[in-house]
Amino acid sequence: MQQSIEVRVEIFREGDLYVGICPELDVSSFGETIESAKQSLREAVSAFIEECEEMGTLAEVLEEAGFTQQDARWLPRQPVATELVGIG
């Protein structure tokens, strides 16, 4: 892969495991530590990206997920604000 793709990573604790997700690409993985969850997620995202490249759909998938391309880098969409809102 000659282009660089930056993805957002979120890590959550679920029981005895840590779950890592890449929300824009809807890819997740897990590990017994935060670092192992991050590494496992990197591998899962890399496999997803490689498969998209092989199918010739990577640019389309990234654009549909809200990524923008700047030179040889793909960047995820950046929120202008985030907050937790209670409902009900």
Protein backbone atom coordinates (compact mmCIF):
# COMPACT_ATOMS: atom_id res chain seq x y z
CA MET A 1 0.00 0.00 0.00
CA GLN A 2 1.60 3.26 -1.12
CA GLN A 3 -1.00 5.54 0.41
CA SER A 4 -1.40 6.32 4.09
CA ILE A 5 -4.75 5.85 5.79
CA GLU A 6 -5.41 7.28 9.24
CA VAL A 7 -8.24 5.69 11.20
CA ARG A 8 -9.92 6.47 14.49
CA VAL A 9 -9.53 3.79 17.17
CA GLU A 10 -11.81 3.44 20.18
CA ILE A 11 -11.09 0.94 22.95
CA PHE A 12 -13.73 -0.32 25.40
CA ARG A 13 -13.55 -2.77 28.25
CA GLU A 14 -16.05 -5.62 28.07
CA GLY A 15 -15.66 -8.05 30.95
CA ASP A 16 -12.11 -9.41 30.96
CA LEU A 17 -11.36 -8.22 27.41
CA TYR A 18 -10.68 -4.95 25.65
CA VAL A 19 -12.56 -4.35 22.41
CA GLY A 20 -11.11 -2.07 19.75
CA ILE A 21 -13.27 -0.58 17.03
CA CYS A 22 -12.69 1.54 13.98
CA PRO A 23 -16.14 3.17 13.74
CA GLU A 24 -15.77 4.65 10.23
CA LEU A 25 -14.95 1.28 8.67
CA ASP A 26 -17.10 -0.80 11.04
CA VAL A 27 -14.15 -3.07 11.89
CA SER A 28 -13.55 -4.43 15.37
CA SER A 29 -11.28 -6.81 17.24
CA PHE A 30 -10.25 -7.56 20.81
CA GLY A 31 -7.39 -8.43 23.16
CA GLU A 32 -6.59 -9.14 26.76
CA THR A 33 -4.82 -5.77 27.16
CA ILE A 34 -5.34 -2.36 25.62
CA GLU A 35 -2.17 -2.76 23.55
CA SER A 36 -3.13 -6.23 22.32
CA ALA A 37 -6.59 -4.92 21.37
CA LYS A 38 -4.96 -2.07 19.42
CA GLN A 39 -2.59 -4.47 17.64
CA SER A 40 -5.40 -6.89 16.84
CA LEU A 41 -7.47 -4.01 15.46
CA ARG A 42 -4.55 -2.78 13.33
CA GLU A 43 -4.31 -6.27 11.82
CA ALA A 44 -8.08 -6.45 11.20
CA VAL A 45 -8.15 -2.99 9.57
CA SER A 46 -5.09 -3.86 7.45
CA ALA A 47 -6.77 -7.05 6.25
CA PHE A 48 -9.96 -5.10 5.43
CA ILE A 49 -7.99 -2.49 3.48
CA GLU A 50 -6.00 -5.14 1.60
CA GLU A 51 -9.21 -6.90 0.58
CA CYS A 52 -10.71 -3.60 -0.64
CA GLU A 53 -7.52 -2.93 -2.64
CA GLU A 54 -7.67 -6.38 -4.23
CA MET A 55 -11.30 -5.81 -5.23
CA GLY A 56 -10.50 -2.32 -6.55
CA THR A 57 -13.01 -0.66 -4.20
CA LEU A 58 -10.77 1.03 -1.62
CA ALA A 59 -11.30 4.64 -2.73
CA GLU A 60 -15.06 4.11 -2.98
CA VAL A 61 -15.26 2.48 0.47
CA LEU A 62 -13.19 5.25 2.08
CA GLU A 63 -15.21 8.03 0.44
CA GLU A 64 -18.50 6.44 1.51
CA ALA A 65 -17.13 6.22 5.08
CA GLY A 66 -16.43 9.97 5.07
CA PHE A 67 -12.67 9.92 4.48
CA THR A 68 -11.04 12.66 2.43
CA GLN A 69 -7.83 12.36 0.47
CA GLN A 70 -5.01 14.86 0.93
CA ASP A 71 -2.05 14.08 -1.30
CA ALA A 72 -1.25 10.40 -0.60
CA ARG A 73 -3.09 10.40 2.77
CA TRP A 74 -6.67 9.42 3.54
CA LEU A 75 -8.03 11.19 6.63
CA PRO A 76 -11.23 10.33 8.56
CA ARG A 77 -13.96 12.91 8.90
CA GLN A 78 -13.43 15.21 11.86
CA PRO A 79 -16.39 16.15 14.05
CA VAL A 80 -16.88 19.82 14.81
CA ALA A 81 -18.31 18.91 18.23
CA THR A 82 -18.88 15.84 20.38
CA GLU A 83 -20.86 15.40 23.56
CA LEU A 84 -22.84 12.84 25.49
CA VAL A 85 -26.57 13.55 25.46
CA GLY A 86 -29.05 11.87 27.77
CA ILE A 87 -32.32 10.74 26.20
CA GLY A 88 -35.39 10.15 28.34
